[in-house]
Amino acid sequence: MLKVFLVEDEVVMRNGIKNNIPWEQEGFEFAGEASDGELAIRL
């Protein structure tokens, strides 16, 4: 199973992507999210 870490600066878009994709059903594990690349690298 592949892990997905979502990076998107727009909160509405990030929540829409996170909440509307059936991650496990598609073969992915949702590992986390960040609002920008700098934060994503630290996480």
PDB file of N, CA and C in Angstrom:
ATOM      1  N   MET A   1       0.848  -1.173   0.000  1.00  0.00           N
ATOM      2  CA  MET A   1       0.000   0.000   0.000  1.00  0.00           C
ATOM      3  C   MET A   1       0.898   1.242   0.000  1.00  0.00           C
ATOM      4  N   LEU A   2       0.608   2.179  -0.860  1.00  0.00           N
ATOM      5  CA  LEU A   2       1.355   3.428  -0.939  1.00  0.00           C
ATOM      6  C   LEU A   2       0.796   4.440   0.044  1.00  0.00           C
ATOM      7  N   LYS A   3       1.681   5.250   0.616  1.00  0.00           N
ATOM      8  CA  LYS A   3       1.260   6.307   1.533  1.00  0.00           C
ATOM      9  C   LYS A   3       1.192   7.626   0.776  1.00  0.00           C
ATOM     10  N   VAL A   4       0.186   8.437   1.122  1.00  0.00           N
ATOM     11  CA  VAL A   4      -0.010   9.746   0.503  1.00  0.00           C
ATOM     12  C   VAL A   4       0.124  10.812   1.578  1.00  0.00           C
ATOM     13  N   PHE A   5       0.953  11.825   1.286  1.00  0.00           N
ATOM     14  CA  PHE A   5       1.060  12.994   2.150  1.00  0.00           C
ATOM     15  C   PHE A   5       0.625  14.179   1.313  1.00  0.00           C
ATOM     16  N   LEU A   6      -0.470  14.803   1.677  1.00  0.00           N
ATOM     17  CA  LEU A   6      -1.095  15.864   0.899  1.00  0.00           C
ATOM     18  C   LEU A   6      -0.535  17.235   1.278  1.00  0.00           C
ATOM     19  N   VAL A   7      -0.057  17.968   0.274  1.00  0.00           N
ATOM     20  CA  VAL A   7       0.445  19.324   0.490  1.00  0.00           C
ATOM     21  C   VAL A   7      -0.330  20.266  -0.420  1.00  0.00           C
ATOM     22  N   GLU A   8      -1.072  21.177   0.193  1.00  0.00           N
ATOM     23  CA  GLU A   8      -1.902  22.137  -0.549  1.00  0.00           C
ATOM     24  C   GLU A   8      -2.101  23.353   0.349  1.00  0.00           C
ATOM     25  N   ASP A   9      -1.894  24.556  -0.194  1.00  0.00           N
ATOM     26  CA  ASP A   9      -1.999  25.752   0.630  1.00  0.00           C
ATOM     27  C   ASP A   9      -3.436  26.226   0.835  1.00  0.00           C
ATOM     28  N   GLU A  10      -4.347  25.856  -0.022  1.00  0.00           N
ATOM     29  CA  GLU A  10      -5.753  26.255   0.126  1.00  0.00           C
ATOM     30  C   GLU A  10      -6.481  25.240   1.011  1.00  0.00           C
ATOM     31  N   VAL A  11      -6.981  25.702   2.155  1.00  0.00           N
ATOM     32  CA  VAL A  11      -7.631  24.811   3.120  1.00  0.00           C
ATOM     33  C   VAL A  11      -8.835  24.108   2.508  1.00  0.00           C
ATOM     34  N   VAL A  12      -9.646  24.831   1.771  1.00  0.00           N
ATOM     35  CA  VAL A  12     -10.855  24.247   1.180  1.00  0.00           C
ATOM     36  C   VAL A  12     -10.478  23.129   0.206  1.00  0.00           C
ATOM     37  N   MET A  13      -9.495  23.379  -0.624  1.00  0.00           N
ATOM     38  CA  MET A  13      -9.051  22.354  -1.578  1.00  0.00           C
ATOM     39  C   MET A  13      -8.459  21.148  -0.853  1.00  0.00           C
ATOM     40  N   ARG A  14      -7.626  21.412   0.150  1.00  0.00           N
ATOM     41  CA  ARG A  14      -6.988  20.323   0.904  1.00  0.00           C
ATOM     42  C   ARG A  14      -8.037  19.445   1.575  1.00  0.00           C
ATOM     43  N   ASN A  15      -9.031  20.073   2.214  1.00  0.00           N
ATOM     44  CA  ASN A  15     -10.089  19.297   2.863  1.00  0.00           C
ATOM     45  C   ASN A  15     -10.927  18.542   1.838  1.00  0.00           C
ATOM     46  N   GLY A  16     -11.197  19.168   0.700  1.00  0.00           N
ATOM     47  CA  GLY A  16     -11.966  18.497  -0.344  1.00  0.00           C
ATOM     48  C   GLY A  16     -11.261  17.262  -0.864  1.00  0.00           C
ATOM     49  N   ILE A  17      -9.981  17.390  -1.124  1.00  0.00           N
ATOM     50  CA  ILE A  17      -9.207  16.239  -1.613  1.00  0.00           C
ATOM     51  C   ILE A  17      -9.152  15.158  -0.542  1.00  0.00           C
ATOM     52  N   LYS A  18      -8.827  15.572   0.672  1.00  0.00           N
ATOM     53  CA  LYS A  18      -8.670  14.613   1.779  1.00  0.00           C
ATOM     54  C   LYS A  18      -9.962  13.847   2.052  1.00  0.00           C
ATOM     55  N   ASN A  19     -11.089  14.546   2.025  1.00  0.00           N
ATOM     56  CA  ASN A  19     -12.355  13.935   2.440  1.00  0.00           C
ATOM     57  C   ASN A  19     -13.144  13.269   1.322  1.00  0.00           C
ATOM     58  N   ASN A  20     -12.779  13.506   0.063  1.00  0.00           N
ATOM     59  CA  ASN A  20     -13.586  12.969  -1.033  1.00  0.00           C
ATOM     60  C   ASN A  20     -12.935  11.847  -1.826  1.00  0.00           C
ATOM     61  N   ILE A  21     -11.770  11.435  -1.409  1.00  0.00           N
ATOM     62  CA  ILE A  21     -11.121  10.301  -2.069  1.00  0.00           C
ATOM     63  C   ILE A  21     -11.138   9.128  -1.094  1.00  0.00           C
ATOM     64  N   PRO A  22     -11.660   7.993  -1.519  1.00  0.00           N
ATOM     65  CA  PRO A  22     -11.651   6.802  -0.654  1.00  0.00           C
ATOM     66  C   PRO A  22     -10.249   6.178  -0.665  1.00  0.00           C
ATOM     67  N   TRP A  23      -9.331   6.724   0.118  1.00  0.00           N
ATOM     68  CA  TRP A  23      -7.913   6.378   0.058  1.00  0.00           C
ATOM     69  C   TRP A  23      -7.665   4.874   0.142  1.00  0.00           C
ATOM     70  N   GLU A  24      -8.177   4.229   1.170  1.00  0.00           N
ATOM     71  CA  GLU A  24      -7.911   2.801   1.356  1.00  0.00           C
ATOM     72  C   GLU A  24      -8.534   1.972   0.242  1.00  0.00           C
ATOM     73  N   GLN A  25      -9.695   2.361  -0.206  1.00  0.00           N
ATOM     74  CA  GLN A  25     -10.376   1.657  -1.286  1.00  0.00           C
ATOM     75  C   GLN A  25      -9.566   1.732  -2.586  1.00  0.00           C
ATOM     76  N   GLU A  26      -8.825   2.815  -2.766  1.00  0.00           N
ATOM     77  CA  GLU A  26      -8.007   3.008  -3.958  1.00  0.00           C
ATOM     78  C   GLU A  26      -6.595   2.446  -3.791  1.00  0.00           C
ATOM     79  N   GLY A  27      -6.301   1.879  -2.623  1.00  0.00           N
ATOM     80  CA  GLY A  27      -5.002   1.263  -2.394  1.00  0.00           C
ATOM     81  C   GLY A  27      -3.958   2.192  -1.793  1.00  0.00           C
ATOM     82  N   PHE A  28      -4.402   3.263  -1.134  1.00  0.00           N
ATOM     83  CA  PHE A  28      -3.490   4.224  -0.529  1.00  0.00           C
ATOM     84  C   PHE A  28      -3.763   4.357   0.963  1.00  0.00           C
ATOM     85  N   GLU A  29      -2.742   4.771   1.685  1.00  0.00           N
ATOM     86  CA  GLU A  29      -2.896   5.115   3.094  1.00  0.00           C
ATOM     87  C   GLU A  29      -2.664   6.612   3.216  1.00  0.00           C
ATOM     88  N   PHE A  30      -3.620   7.333   3.778  1.00  0.00           N
ATOM     89  CA  PHE A  30      -3.480   8.773   3.960  1.00  0.00           C
ATOM     90  C   PHE A  30      -2.585   8.994   5.167  1.00  0.00           C
ATOM     91  N   ALA A  31      -1.379   9.548   4.932  1.00  0.00           N
ATOM     92  CA  ALA A  31      -0.367   9.659   5.983  1.00  0.00           C
ATOM     93  C   ALA A  31      -0.357  11.019   6.671  1.00  0.00           C
ATOM     94  N   GLY A  32      -0.928  12.039   6.046  1.00  0.00           N
ATOM     95  CA  GLY A  32      -0.927  13.348   6.682  1.00  0.00           C
ATOM     96  C   GLY A  32      -1.111  14.461   5.681  1.00  0.00           C
ATOM     97  N   GLU A  33      -1.013  15.691   6.189  1.00  0.00           N
ATOM     98  CA  GLU A  33      -1.230  16.853   5.337  1.00  0.00           C
ATOM     99  C   GLU A  33      -0.437  18.034   5.864  1.00  0.00           C
ATOM    100  N   ALA A  34      -0.168  18.984   4.970  1.00  0.00           N
ATOM    101  CA  ALA A  34       0.532  20.210   5.332  1.00  0.00           C
ATOM    102  C   ALA A  34       0.063  21.325   4.416  1.00  0.00           C
ATOM    103  N   SER A  35       0.238  22.561   4.893  1.00  0.00           N
ATOM    104  CA  SER A  35      -0.218  23.709   4.122  1.00  0.00           C
ATOM    105  C   SER A  35       0.844  24.269   3.179  1.00  0.00           C
ATOM    106  N   ASP A  36       2.098  23.838   3.343  1.00  0.00           N
ATOM    107  CA  ASP A  36       3.148  24.267   2.420  1.00  0.00           C
ATOM    108  C   ASP A  36       4.316  23.285   2.445  1.00  0.00           C
ATOM    109  N   GLY A  37       5.206  23.441   1.486  1.00  0.00           N
ATOM    110  CA  GLY A  37       6.323  22.517   1.347  1.00  0.00           C
ATOM    111  C   GLY A  37       7.284  22.516   2.515  1.00  0.00           C
ATOM    112  N   GLU A  38       7.542  23.691   3.078  1.00  0.00           N
ATOM    113  CA  GLU A  38       8.467  23.761   4.215  1.00  0.00           C
ATOM    114  C   GLU A  38       7.940  22.966   5.412  1.00  0.00           C
ATOM    115  N   LEU A  39       6.668  23.096   5.691  1.00  0.00           N
ATOM    116  CA  LEU A  39       6.059  22.340   6.791  1.00  0.00           C
ATOM    117  C   LEU A  39       6.035  20.857   6.455  1.00  0.00           C
ATOM    118  N   ALA A  40       5.747  20.529   5.210  1.00  0.00           N
ATOM    119  CA  ALA A  40       5.685  19.122   4.792  1.00  0.00           C
ATOM    120  C   ALA A  40       7.022  18.421   4.996  1.00  0.00           C
ATOM    121  N   ILE A  41       8.115  19.090   4.677  1.00  0.00           N
ATOM    122  CA  ILE A  41       9.438  18.475   4.828  1.00  0.00           C
ATOM    123  C   ILE A  41       9.712  18.173   6.302  1.00  0.00           C
ATOM    124  N   ARG A  42       9.344  19.101   7.176  1.00  0.00           N
ATOM    125  CA  ARG A  42       9.545  18.878   8.617  1.00  0.00           C
ATOM    126  C   ARG A  42       8.698  17.728   9.150  1.00  0.00           C
ATOM    127  N   LEU A  43       7.505  17.565   8.584  1.00  0.00           N
ATOM    128  CA  LEU A  43       6.613  16.498   9.067  1.00  0.00           C
ATOM    129  C   LEU A  43       7.008  15.177   8.467  1.00  0.00           C
TER     130      LEU A  43
END
